[in-house]
């Protein structure tokens, strides 16, 4: 249950300022560790926190598009869980250390496993354009990294079950005719919350109720009396907090703006120069590190044909999520 979950205890935060503080801290930490690379031009060389946010917003769009096009069709719970993982990872890390293109795919792959959407790694990479051998190596080599950065808390409470509960309750206790007509608006609203930090700030039931109330307003229905007179009739003291949370969620969705693609392209070029080469699958430093890892652990020759990363070209489009 959510009230006693690791999600509430460790991954639900007080406000957006707290999230920003985590992100700025990771940005500063990376710059301090790689300051010599800038040769005195720190602002021009490294990404700023606002640039990182803009970049990650674009890759959240790529994440959703990847899940939407996935074959076989992906359950909604997998999509929600993947977004949770992606957002959590970049509270503890910067895109300069780990490129979001590679972490994105790993988040979706781990979400498939956790939500028991059974696809093999071969089925998974068939949905990725480019060098699928390289994609396989990247996803599998980042899997344990991702799980560790999530502190091994992999169970995610999405808003989908609370939504079903609200709809059943509305059908049973309210006077609304055909509550099922709310579903398209609810689904659209939940999809929009994925692009915000709502899942890091609010409970699944709060997000679900915000979606239901939004859908009702789109259908010219009013559920205020249902919330005040039925849903919270025995817990009036909690009503002001709930109303405030719902209002904040709806404002976050309403105020969301898609990132400017020209700005994102400029940031990506900047990222290519300042990213950590030790974590860049196209770099010789990365390939050599993995060669040594495989040789030490498995006594495997570096040139073994089964080790794909060492033999791929440096074409950065080899793992293409965004197309």
C-alpha atoms as a PDB file:
ATOM      1  CA  UNK A   1       0.000   0.000   0.000  1.00  0.00           C
ATOM      2  CA  UNK A   2       1.184   3.508  -0.798  1.00  0.00           C
ATOM      3  CA  UNK A   3       1.052   4.933   2.783  1.00  0.00           C
ATOM      4  CA  UNK A   4       3.745   2.478   3.931  1.00  0.00           C
ATOM      5  CA  UNK A   5       5.632   2.254   0.624  1.00  0.00           C
ATOM      6  CA  UNK A   6       9.207   3.218  -0.253  1.00  0.00           C
ATOM      7  CA  UNK A   7       7.667   5.576  -2.811  1.00  0.00           C
ATOM      8  CA  UNK A   8       6.087   7.672  -0.059  1.00  0.00           C
ATOM      9  CA  UNK A   9       8.998   7.306   2.334  1.00  0.00           C
ATOM     10  CA  UNK A  10      11.920   7.928  -0.023  1.00  0.00           C
ATOM     11  CA  UNK A  11      10.646   9.282  -3.350  1.00  0.00           C
ATOM     12  CA  UNK A  12       7.868  11.758  -2.530  1.00  0.00           C
ATOM     13  CA  UNK A  13       9.136  15.269  -1.847  1.00  0.00           C
ATOM     14  CA  UNK A  14       7.791  18.397  -0.204  1.00  0.00           C
ATOM     15  CA  UNK A  15       7.932  20.884  -3.070  1.00  0.00           C
ATOM     16  CA  UNK A  16       9.487  21.754  -6.418  1.00  0.00           C
ATOM     17  CA  UNK A  17      12.218  23.748  -4.700  1.00  0.00           C
ATOM     18  CA  UNK A  18      13.498  20.575  -3.066  1.00  0.00           C
ATOM     19  CA  UNK A  19      13.663  18.822  -6.434  1.00  0.00           C
ATOM     20  CA  UNK A  20      15.534  21.760  -7.954  1.00  0.00           C
ATOM     21  CA  UNK A  21      18.032  21.686  -5.095  1.00  0.00           C
ATOM     22  CA  UNK A  22      18.829  18.016  -5.813  1.00  0.00           C
ATOM     23  CA  UNK A  23      19.320  18.753  -9.515  1.00  0.00           C
ATOM     24  CA  UNK A  24      21.528  21.788  -8.935  1.00  0.00           C
ATOM     25  CA  UNK A  25      23.623  19.785  -6.465  1.00  0.00           C
ATOM     26  CA  UNK A  26      24.278  17.055  -9.052  1.00  0.00           C
ATOM     27  CA  UNK A  27      25.134  19.662 -11.688  1.00  0.00           C
ATOM     28  CA  UNK A  28      27.609  21.399  -9.370  1.00  0.00           C
ATOM     29  CA  UNK A  29      29.161  18.119  -8.291  1.00  0.00           C
ATOM     30  CA  UNK A  30      29.826  17.102 -11.895  1.00  0.00           C
ATOM     31  CA  UNK A  31      31.327  20.461 -12.804  1.00  0.00           C
ATOM     32  CA  UNK A  32      33.632  20.368  -9.767  1.00  0.00           C
ATOM     33  CA  UNK A  33      34.872  16.925 -10.787  1.00  0.00           C
ATOM     34  CA  UNK A  34      35.497  17.868 -14.446  1.00  0.00           C
ATOM     35  CA  UNK A  35      36.413  21.541 -14.118  1.00  0.00           C
ATOM     36  CA  UNK A  36      39.808  21.051 -15.747  1.00  0.00           C
ATOM     37  CA  UNK A  37      38.144  20.028 -19.019  1.00  0.00           C
ATOM     38  CA  UNK A  38      36.575  23.474 -19.403  1.00  0.00           C
ATOM     39  CA  UNK A  39      39.932  25.272 -19.587  1.00  0.00           C
ATOM     40  CA  UNK A  40      38.503  28.238 -17.731  1.00  0.00           C
ATOM     41  CA  UNK A  41      35.276  28.477 -19.748  1.00  0.00           C
ATOM     42  CA  UNK A  42      32.931  26.744 -17.330  1.00  0.00           C
ATOM     43  CA  UNK A  43      29.623  28.333 -18.373  1.00  0.00           C
ATOM     44  CA  UNK A  44      30.334  27.811 -22.067  1.00  0.00           C
ATOM     45  CA  UNK A  45      31.516  24.215 -21.631  1.00  0.00           C
ATOM     46  CA  UNK A  46      29.087  22.630 -19.144  1.00  0.00           C
ATOM     47  CA  UNK A  47      25.307  22.421 -19.147  1.00  0.00           C
ATOM     48  CA  UNK A  48      23.479  24.687 -16.714  1.00  0.00           C
ATOM     49  CA  UNK A  49      20.634  23.296 -14.562  1.00  0.00           C
ATOM     50  CA  UNK A  50      17.977  24.976 -16.786  1.00  0.00           C
ATOM     51  CA  UNK A  51      19.621  23.453 -19.876  1.00  0.00           C
ATOM     52  CA  UNK A  52      19.563  20.034 -18.237  1.00  0.00           C
ATOM     53  CA  UNK A  53      15.865  20.400 -17.435  1.00  0.00           C
ATOM     54  CA  UNK A  54      15.073  21.400 -21.015  1.00  0.00           C
ATOM     55  CA  UNK A  55      17.037  18.430 -22.350  1.00  0.00           C
ATOM     56  CA  UNK A  56      15.324  15.972 -20.012  1.00  0.00           C
ATOM     57  CA  UNK A  57      11.912  17.354 -20.956  1.00  0.00           C
ATOM     58  CA  UNK A  58      12.657  16.521 -24.582  1.00  0.00           C
ATOM     59  CA  UNK A  59      13.748  12.998 -23.668  1.00  0.00           C
ATOM     60  CA  UNK A  60      10.579  12.504 -21.643  1.00  0.00           C
ATOM     61  CA  UNK A  61       8.715  13.138 -24.897  1.00  0.00           C
ATOM     62  CA  UNK A  62      10.940  10.552 -26.591  1.00  0.00           C
ATOM     63  CA  UNK A  63      10.251   8.122 -23.739  1.00  0.00           C
ATOM     64  CA  UNK A  64       6.494   8.426 -24.159  1.00  0.00           C
ATOM     65  CA  UNK A  65       6.702   8.107 -27.957  1.00  0.00           C
ATOM     66  CA  UNK A  66       8.909   5.020 -27.622  1.00  0.00           C
ATOM     67  CA  UNK A  67       6.382   3.383 -25.272  1.00  0.00           C
ATOM     68  CA  UNK A  68       3.446   4.396 -27.487  1.00  0.00           C
ATOM     69  CA  UNK A  69       5.015   2.801 -30.582  1.00  0.00           C
ATOM     70  CA  UNK A  70       6.236  -0.297 -28.755  1.00  0.00           C
ATOM     71  CA  UNK A  71       5.378  -3.672 -30.248  1.00  0.00           C
ATOM     72  CA  UNK A  72       3.700  -5.565 -28.606  1.00  0.00           C
ATOM     73  CA  UNK A  73       1.493  -2.774 -27.147  1.00  0.00           C
ATOM     74  CA  UNK A  74       2.747  -1.679 -23.758  1.00  0.00           C
ATOM     75  CA  UNK A  75       0.424  -1.549 -20.694  1.00  0.00           C
ATOM     76  CA  UNK A  76      -0.083   1.869 -19.128  1.00  0.00           C
ATOM     77  CA  UNK A  77       1.468   0.748 -15.860  1.00  0.00           C
ATOM     78  CA  UNK A  78       4.783   0.073 -17.622  1.00  0.00           C
ATOM     79  CA  UNK A  79       4.794   3.584 -19.059  1.00  0.00           C
ATOM     80  CA  UNK A  80       4.070   5.136 -15.668  1.00  0.00           C
ATOM     81  CA  UNK A  81       6.759   3.074 -13.960  1.00  0.00           C
ATOM     82  CA  UNK A  82       9.352   3.948 -16.626  1.00  0.00           C
ATOM     83  CA  UNK A  83       8.664   7.657 -16.104  1.00  0.00           C
ATOM     84  CA  UNK A  84       9.093   7.256 -12.347  1.00  0.00           C
ATOM     85  CA  UNK A  85      12.468   5.566 -12.857  1.00  0.00           C
ATOM     86  CA  UNK A  86      13.651   8.194 -15.348  1.00  0.00           C
ATOM     87  CA  UNK A  87      12.738  11.100 -13.074  1.00  0.00           C
ATOM     88  CA  UNK A  88      14.216   9.452  -9.988  1.00  0.00           C
ATOM     89  CA  UNK A  89      17.484   8.641 -11.751  1.00  0.00           C
ATOM     90  CA  UNK A  90      18.061  12.267 -12.704  1.00  0.00           C
ATOM     91  CA  UNK A  91      17.494  13.493  -9.173  1.00  0.00           C
ATOM     92  CA  UNK A  92      20.704  11.666  -8.262  1.00  0.00           C
ATOM     93  CA  UNK A  93      22.586  12.131 -11.533  1.00  0.00           C
ATOM     94  CA  UNK A  94      23.224  14.672 -14.259  1.00  0.00           C
ATOM     95  CA  UNK A  95      22.739  14.133 -18.008  1.00  0.00           C
ATOM     96  CA  UNK A  96      26.402  15.091 -18.388  1.00  0.00           C
ATOM     97  CA  UNK A  97      27.336  11.913 -16.550  1.00  0.00           C
ATOM     98  CA  UNK A  98      24.771   9.577 -18.160  1.00  0.00           C
ATOM     99  CA  UNK A  99      23.173  10.434 -21.485  1.00  0.00           C
ATOM    100  CA  UNK A 100      19.359  10.345 -21.214  1.00  0.00           C
ATOM    101  CA  UNK A 101      19.085   8.457 -24.514  1.00  0.00           C
ATOM    102  CA  UNK A 102      20.731   5.418 -22.923  1.00  0.00           C
ATOM    103  CA  UNK A 103      19.081   5.710 -19.504  1.00  0.00           C
ATOM    104  CA  UNK A 104      15.666   6.114 -21.145  1.00  0.00           C
ATOM    105  CA  UNK A 105      15.819   2.699 -22.801  1.00  0.00           C
ATOM    106  CA  UNK A 106      17.073   1.054 -19.612  1.00  0.00           C
ATOM    107  CA  UNK A 107      14.224   2.593 -17.572  1.00  0.00           C
ATOM    108  CA  UNK A 108      11.663   1.150 -19.957  1.00  0.00           C
ATOM    109  CA  UNK A 109      13.345  -2.266 -20.000  1.00  0.00           C
ATOM    110  CA  UNK A 110      13.460  -2.512 -16.192  1.00  0.00           C
ATOM    111  CA  UNK A 111       9.854  -1.274 -15.985  1.00  0.00           C
ATOM    112  CA  UNK A 112       8.804  -4.105 -18.318  1.00  0.00           C
ATOM    113  CA  UNK A 113      10.372  -6.602 -15.920  1.00  0.00           C
ATOM    114  CA  UNK A 114       8.972  -5.084 -12.736  1.00  0.00           C
ATOM    115  CA  UNK A 115       5.442  -4.785 -14.143  1.00  0.00           C
ATOM    116  CA  UNK A 116       5.672  -8.353 -15.526  1.00  0.00           C
ATOM    117  CA  UNK A 117       5.280  -7.286 -19.143  1.00  0.00           C
ATOM    118  CA  UNK A 118       7.278 -10.176 -20.480  1.00  0.00           C
ATOM    119  CA  UNK A 119       9.464  -9.190 -23.412  1.00  0.00           C
ATOM    120  CA  UNK A 120      12.904 -10.588 -24.108  1.00  0.00           C
ATOM    121  CA  UNK A 121      15.874  -8.308 -24.659  1.00  0.00           C
ATOM    122  CA  UNK A 122      15.747  -9.238 -28.356  1.00  0.00           C
ATOM    123  CA  UNK A 123      12.075  -8.242 -28.596  1.00  0.00           C
ATOM    124  CA  UNK A 124      12.867  -5.058 -26.734  1.00  0.00           C
ATOM    125  CA  UNK A 125      15.735  -3.867 -28.933  1.00  0.00           C
ATOM    126  CA  UNK A 126      13.735  -4.696 -32.059  1.00  0.00           C
ATOM    127  CA  UNK A 127      11.820  -1.526 -31.166  1.00  0.00           C
ATOM    128  CA  UNK A 128      15.035   0.524 -31.313  1.00  0.00           C
ATOM    129  CA  UNK A 129      16.311   1.771 -34.638  1.00  0.00           C
ATOM    130  CA  UNK A 130      20.006   1.486 -35.317  1.00  0.00           C
ATOM    131  CA  UNK A 131      22.628  -0.987 -34.119  1.00  0.00           C
ATOM    132  CA  UNK A 132      20.618  -3.456 -32.038  1.00  0.00           C
ATOM    133  CA  UNK A 133      23.664  -5.342 -30.808  1.00  0.00           C
ATOM    134  CA  UNK A 134      25.010  -2.099 -29.407  1.00  0.00           C
ATOM    135  CA  UNK A 135      21.595  -1.234 -27.952  1.00  0.00           C
ATOM    136  CA  UNK A 136      21.511  -4.605 -26.186  1.00  0.00           C
ATOM    137  CA  UNK A 137      24.919  -3.992 -24.623  1.00  0.00           C
ATOM    138  CA  UNK A 138      23.987  -0.483 -23.493  1.00  0.00           C
ATOM    139  CA  UNK A 139      20.666  -1.508 -21.918  1.00  0.00           C
ATOM    140  CA  UNK A 140      22.084  -4.524 -20.109  1.00  0.00           C
ATOM    141  CA  UNK A 141      25.230  -2.730 -18.925  1.00  0.00           C
ATOM    142  CA  UNK A 142      23.113   0.098 -17.457  1.00  0.00           C
ATOM    143  CA  UNK A 143      20.529  -2.148 -15.810  1.00  0.00           C
ATOM    144  CA  UNK A 144      22.310  -2.661 -12.493  1.00  0.00           C
ATOM    145  CA  UNK A 145      23.430   0.964 -12.483  1.00  0.00           C
ATOM    146  CA  UNK A 146      19.814   2.116 -12.743  1.00  0.00           C
ATOM    147  CA  UNK A 147      18.563  -0.278 -10.084  1.00  0.00           C
ATOM    148  CA  UNK A 148      21.321   0.863  -7.715  1.00  0.00           C
ATOM    149  CA  UNK A 149      20.562   4.534  -8.310  1.00  0.00           C
ATOM    150  CA  UNK A 150      16.923   3.820  -7.452  1.00  0.00           C
ATOM    151  CA  UNK A 151      18.172   2.425  -4.126  1.00  0.00           C
ATOM    152  CA  UNK A 152      16.619  -0.903  -5.196  1.00  0.00           C
ATOM    153  CA  UNK A 153      13.137   0.547  -4.630  1.00  0.00           C
ATOM    154  CA  UNK A 154      11.437  -0.717  -7.774  1.00  0.00           C
ATOM    155  CA  UNK A 155       7.770  -1.017  -6.768  1.00  0.00           C
ATOM    156  CA  UNK A 156       5.804   1.903  -8.193  1.00  0.00           C
ATOM    157  CA  UNK A 157       2.301   2.976  -7.203  1.00  0.00           C
ATOM    158  CA  UNK A 158       0.739   4.494 -10.312  1.00  0.00           C
ATOM    159  CA  UNK A 159      -2.611   6.384 -10.339  1.00  0.00           C
ATOM    160  CA  UNK A 160      -4.388   3.813 -12.520  1.00  0.00           C
ATOM    161  CA  UNK A 161      -5.872   1.705  -9.709  1.00  0.00           C
ATOM    162  CA  UNK A 162      -7.173   4.737  -7.797  1.00  0.00           C
ATOM    163  CA  UNK A 163      -8.781   5.931 -11.030  1.00  0.00           C
ATOM    164  CA  UNK A 164     -10.666   2.653 -11.360  1.00  0.00           C
ATOM    165  CA  UNK A 165     -11.746   2.949  -7.731  1.00  0.00           C
ATOM    166  CA  UNK A 166     -13.056   6.477  -8.239  1.00  0.00           C
ATOM    167  CA  UNK A 167     -14.986   5.487 -11.362  1.00  0.00           C
ATOM    168  CA  UNK A 168     -16.601   2.521  -9.611  1.00  0.00           C
ATOM    169  CA  UNK A 169     -17.516   4.745  -6.674  1.00  0.00           C
ATOM    170  CA  UNK A 170     -18.945   7.466  -8.945  1.00  0.00           C
ATOM    171  CA  UNK A 171     -21.073   4.874 -10.743  1.00  0.00           C
ATOM    172  CA  UNK A 172     -22.312   3.550  -7.409  1.00  0.00           C
ATOM    173  CA  UNK A 173     -22.905   6.668  -5.333  1.00  0.00           C
ATOM    174  CA  UNK A 174     -23.196   9.702  -7.602  1.00  0.00           C
ATOM    175  CA  UNK A 175     -25.893  10.835  -9.982  1.00  0.00           C
ATOM    176  CA  UNK A 176     -23.601  11.175 -12.994  1.00  0.00           C
ATOM    177  CA  UNK A 177     -24.851   9.470 -16.128  1.00  0.00           C
ATOM    178  CA  UNK A 178     -22.372   7.195 -17.902  1.00  0.00           C
ATOM    179  CA  UNK A 179     -19.126   7.982 -16.023  1.00  0.00           C
ATOM    180  CA  UNK A 180     -17.236   5.906 -18.611  1.00  0.00           C
ATOM    181  CA  UNK A 181     -17.315   8.910 -20.921  1.00  0.00           C
ATOM    182  CA  UNK A 182     -14.722  10.468 -18.611  1.00  0.00           C
ATOM    183  CA  UNK A 183     -12.066   7.930 -19.588  1.00  0.00           C
ATOM    184  CA  UNK A 184     -10.596   9.640 -22.686  1.00  0.00           C
ATOM    185  CA  UNK A 185     -10.119  12.889 -20.752  1.00  0.00           C
ATOM    186  CA  UNK A 186      -8.680  11.009 -17.758  1.00  0.00           C
ATOM    187  CA  UNK A 187      -6.182   9.152 -19.942  1.00  0.00           C
ATOM    188  CA  UNK A 188      -5.125  12.372 -21.661  1.00  0.00           C
ATOM    189  CA  UNK A 189      -4.643  14.126 -18.315  1.00  0.00           C
ATOM    190  CA  UNK A 190      -2.556  11.275 -16.868  1.00  0.00           C
ATOM    191  CA  UNK A 191      -0.378  11.261 -19.984  1.00  0.00           C
ATOM    192  CA  UNK A 192       0.186  14.985 -19.445  1.00  0.00           C
ATOM    193  CA  UNK A 193       1.230  14.473 -15.815  1.00  0.00           C
ATOM    194  CA  UNK A 194       4.101  12.274 -17.011  1.00  0.00           C
ATOM    195  CA  UNK A 195       5.778  15.407 -18.369  1.00  0.00           C
ATOM    196  CA  UNK A 196       5.590  17.144 -14.988  1.00  0.00           C
ATOM    197  CA  UNK A 197       7.042  16.374 -11.555  1.00  0.00           C
ATOM    198  CA  UNK A 198       3.624  15.467 -10.174  1.00  0.00           C
ATOM    199  CA  UNK A 199       4.626  11.866  -9.433  1.00  0.00           C
ATOM    200  CA  UNK A 200       7.506  13.101  -7.227  1.00  0.00           C
ATOM    201  CA  UNK A 201       5.329  15.542  -5.280  1.00  0.00           C
ATOM    202  CA  UNK A 202       1.853  14.029  -4.941  1.00  0.00           C
ATOM    203  CA  UNK A 203       0.221  10.720  -4.059  1.00  0.00           C
ATOM    204  CA  UNK A 204      -1.238   8.438  -6.738  1.00  0.00           C
ATOM    205  CA  UNK A 205      -4.759   9.011  -5.378  1.00  0.00           C
ATOM    206  CA  UNK A 206      -4.333  12.794  -5.546  1.00  0.00           C
ATOM    207  CA  UNK A 207      -3.195  12.558  -9.177  1.00  0.00           C
ATOM    208  CA  UNK A 208      -6.075  10.195  -9.933  1.00  0.00           C
ATOM    209  CA  UNK A 209      -8.651  12.534  -8.375  1.00  0.00           C
ATOM    210  CA  UNK A 210      -7.191  15.510 -10.246  1.00  0.00           C
ATOM    211  CA  UNK A 211      -7.597  13.545 -13.485  1.00  0.00           C
ATOM    212  CA  UNK A 212     -11.202  12.596 -12.675  1.00  0.00           C
ATOM    213  CA  UNK A 213     -12.182  16.156 -11.750  1.00  0.00           C
ATOM    214  CA  UNK A 214     -10.480  17.497 -14.887  1.00  0.00           C
ATOM    215  CA  UNK A 215     -12.376  14.973 -17.010  1.00  0.00           C
ATOM    216  CA  UNK A 216     -15.658  15.894 -15.343  1.00  0.00           C
ATOM    217  CA  UNK A 217     -15.137  19.578 -16.074  1.00  0.00           C
ATOM    218  CA  UNK A 218     -14.406  18.765 -19.726  1.00  0.00           C
ATOM    219  CA  UNK A 219     -17.755  16.968 -19.861  1.00  0.00           C
ATOM    220  CA  UNK A 220     -19.551  19.888 -18.184  1.00  0.00           C
ATOM    221  CA  UNK A 221     -20.098  17.820 -15.053  1.00  0.00           C
ATOM    222  CA  UNK A 222     -19.553  18.957 -11.470  1.00  0.00           C
ATOM    223  CA  UNK A 223     -18.275  16.483  -8.904  1.00  0.00           C
ATOM    224  CA  UNK A 224     -17.746  18.951  -6.061  1.00  0.00           C
ATOM    225  CA  UNK A 225     -20.666  17.570  -4.053  1.00  0.00           C
ATOM    226  CA  UNK A 226     -19.415  14.023  -4.625  1.00  0.00           C
ATOM    227  CA  UNK A 227     -16.008  14.954  -3.165  1.00  0.00           C
ATOM    228  CA  UNK A 228     -17.289  16.987  -0.211  1.00  0.00           C
ATOM    229  CA  UNK A 229     -20.503  15.159   0.706  1.00  0.00           C
ATOM    230  CA  UNK A 230     -19.639  11.573  -0.154  1.00  0.00           C
ATOM    231  CA  UNK A 231     -15.916  10.999  -0.602  1.00  0.00           C
ATOM    232  CA  UNK A 232     -14.714  13.003   2.399  1.00  0.00           C
ATOM    233  CA  UNK A 233     -17.852  13.175   4.521  1.00  0.00           C
ATOM    234  CA  UNK A 234     -16.061  11.519   7.459  1.00  0.00           C
ATOM    235  CA  UNK A 235     -12.684  13.209   6.934  1.00  0.00           C
ATOM    236  CA  UNK A 236     -13.469  16.893   6.505  1.00  0.00           C
ATOM    237  CA  UNK A 237     -10.153  17.884   8.085  1.00  0.00           C
ATOM    238  CA  UNK A 238      -8.283  16.391   5.124  1.00  0.00           C
ATOM    239  CA  UNK A 239     -10.338  18.192   2.508  1.00  0.00           C
ATOM    240  CA  UNK A 240      -8.368  21.489   2.362  1.00  0.00           C
ATOM    241  CA  UNK A 241      -5.081  19.625   1.801  1.00  0.00           C
ATOM    242  CA  UNK A 242      -6.642  17.501  -0.917  1.00  0.00           C
ATOM    243  CA  UNK A 243      -8.159  20.491  -2.712  1.00  0.00           C
ATOM    244  CA  UNK A 244      -4.782  22.262  -2.629  1.00  0.00           C
ATOM    245  CA  UNK A 245      -2.978  19.202  -4.016  1.00  0.00           C
ATOM    246  CA  UNK A 246      -5.507  18.751  -6.831  1.00  0.00           C
ATOM    247  CA  UNK A 247      -5.243  22.440  -7.703  1.00  0.00           C
ATOM    248  CA  UNK A 248      -1.434  22.258  -7.860  1.00  0.00           C
ATOM    249  CA  UNK A 249      -1.496  19.158 -10.071  1.00  0.00           C
ATOM    250  CA  UNK A 250      -3.919  20.736 -12.523  1.00  0.00           C
ATOM    251  CA  UNK A 251      -1.820  23.918 -12.634  1.00  0.00           C
ATOM    252  CA  UNK A 252       1.340  21.891 -13.342  1.00  0.00           C
ATOM    253  CA  UNK A 253      -0.358  20.192 -16.270  1.00  0.00           C
ATOM    254  CA  UNK A 254      -1.815  23.429 -17.585  1.00  0.00           C
ATOM    255  CA  UNK A 255       1.483  25.320 -17.387  1.00  0.00           C
ATOM    256  CA  UNK A 256       3.602  22.651 -19.068  1.00  0.00           C
ATOM    257  CA  UNK A 257       5.273  23.809 -22.272  1.00  0.00           C
ATOM    258  CA  UNK A 258       7.057  21.596 -24.771  1.00  0.00           C
ATOM    259  CA  UNK A 259      10.771  22.394 -25.104  1.00  0.00           C
ATOM    260  CA  UNK A 260      11.969  24.380 -28.081  1.00  0.00           C
ATOM    261  CA  UNK A 261      13.583  21.903 -30.476  1.00  0.00           C
ATOM    262  CA  UNK A 262      16.231  24.361 -31.716  1.00  0.00           C
ATOM    263  CA  UNK A 263      17.321  25.029 -28.136  1.00  0.00           C
ATOM    264  CA  UNK A 264      17.420  21.298 -27.429  1.00  0.00           C
ATOM    265  CA  UNK A 265      19.603  20.659 -30.479  1.00  0.00           C
ATOM    266  CA  UNK A 266      22.070  23.289 -29.272  1.00  0.00           C
ATOM    267  CA  UNK A 267      22.114  21.715 -25.810  1.00  0.00           C
ATOM    268  CA  UNK A 268      22.728  18.264 -27.303  1.00  0.00           C
ATOM    269  CA  UNK A 269      25.749  19.591 -29.201  1.00  0.00           C
ATOM    270  CA  UNK A 270      27.043  21.100 -25.984  1.00  0.00           C
ATOM    271  CA  UNK A 271      26.433  17.789 -24.192  1.00  0.00           C
ATOM    272  CA  UNK A 272      28.509  15.902 -26.767  1.00  0.00           C
ATOM    273  CA  UNK A 273      31.526  17.974 -25.681  1.00  0.00           C
ATOM    274  CA  UNK A 274      31.039  17.933 -21.912  1.00  0.00           C
ATOM    275  CA  UNK A 275      29.616  14.460 -21.229  1.00  0.00           C
ATOM    276  CA  UNK A 276      31.603  11.968 -19.162  1.00  0.00           C
ATOM    277  CA  UNK A 277      33.571   9.933 -21.681  1.00  0.00           C
ATOM    278  CA  UNK A 278      33.908   7.092 -19.183  1.00  0.00           C
ATOM    279  CA  UNK A 279      30.154   6.562 -19.595  1.00  0.00           C
ATOM    280  CA  UNK A 280      30.015   7.190 -23.342  1.00  0.00           C
ATOM    281  CA  UNK A 281      29.615   3.887 -25.234  1.00  0.00           C
ATOM    282  CA  UNK A 282      31.246   5.474 -28.297  1.00  0.00           C
ATOM    283  CA  UNK A 283      34.426   6.451 -26.459  1.00  0.00           C
ATOM    284  CA  UNK A 284      37.602   4.401 -26.326  1.00  0.00           C
ATOM    285  CA  UNK A 285      37.737   4.980 -22.566  1.00  0.00           C
ATOM    286  CA  UNK A 286      34.357   3.264 -22.114  1.00  0.00           C
ATOM    287  CA  UNK A 287      35.229   0.373 -24.431  1.00  0.00           C
ATOM    288  CA  UNK A 288      38.520  -0.220 -22.673  1.00  0.00           C
ATOM    289  CA  UNK A 289      36.856  -0.178 -19.266  1.00  0.00           C
ATOM    290  CA  UNK A 290      34.360  -2.808 -20.386  1.00  0.00           C
ATOM    291  CA  UNK A 291      37.074  -4.903 -22.006  1.00  0.00           C
ATOM    292  CA  UNK A 292      38.890  -5.033 -18.690  1.00  0.00           C
ATOM    293  CA  UNK A 293      35.668  -5.753 -16.814  1.00  0.00           C
ATOM    294  CA  UNK A 294      34.821  -8.681 -19.043  1.00  0.00           C
ATOM    295  CA  UNK A 295      38.383  -9.980 -19.045  1.00  0.00           C
ATOM    296  CA  UNK A 296      38.721  -9.798 -15.261  1.00  0.00           C
ATOM    297  CA  UNK A 297      35.366 -11.368 -14.483  1.00  0.00           C
ATOM    298  CA  UNK A 298      34.981 -13.938 -17.223  1.00  0.00           C
ATOM    299  CA  UNK A 299      38.516 -14.359 -18.513  1.00  0.00           C
ATOM    300  CA  UNK A 300      37.136 -13.341 -21.896  1.00  0.00           C
ATOM    301  CA  UNK A 301      39.448 -12.079 -24.648  1.00  0.00           C
ATOM    302  CA  UNK A 302      38.859  -8.413 -25.488  1.00  0.00           C
ATOM    303  CA  UNK A 303      38.366  -9.193 -29.144  1.00  0.00           C
ATOM    304  CA  UNK A 304      35.725 -11.862 -28.522  1.00  0.00           C
ATOM    305  CA  UNK A 305      33.055 -11.452 -31.220  1.00  0.00           C
ATOM    306  CA  UNK A 306      30.227 -11.715 -28.680  1.00  0.00           C
ATOM    307  CA  UNK A 307      31.268  -8.440 -27.064  1.00  0.00           C
ATOM    308  CA  UNK A 308      29.554  -5.970 -29.341  1.00  0.00           C
ATOM    309  CA  UNK A 309      30.471  -2.615 -27.855  1.00  0.00           C
ATOM    310  CA  UNK A 310      34.160  -2.982 -28.588  1.00  0.00           C
ATOM    311  CA  UNK A 311      33.515  -3.420 -32.288  1.00  0.00           C
ATOM    312  CA  UNK A 312      30.857  -0.853 -33.101  1.00  0.00           C
ATOM    313  CA  UNK A 313      31.486   2.379 -34.949  1.00  0.00           C
ATOM    314  CA  UNK A 314      31.315   5.752 -33.231  1.00  0.00           C
ATOM    315  CA  UNK A 315      28.063   6.626 -34.992  1.00  0.00           C
ATOM    316  CA  UNK A 316      25.959   8.328 -32.325  1.00  0.00           C
ATOM    317  CA  UNK A 317      22.766   7.322 -34.111  1.00  0.00           C
ATOM    318  CA  UNK A 318      23.452   3.638 -33.491  1.00  0.00           C
ATOM    319  CA  UNK A 319      20.849   3.643 -30.719  1.00  0.00           C
ATOM    320  CA  UNK A 320      18.029   5.825 -31.930  1.00  0.00           C
ATOM    321  CA  UNK A 321      15.088   6.261 -29.560  1.00  0.00           C
ATOM    322  CA  UNK A 322      13.775   9.522 -30.936  1.00  0.00           C
ATOM    323  CA  UNK A 323      12.976   8.463 -34.496  1.00  0.00           C
END
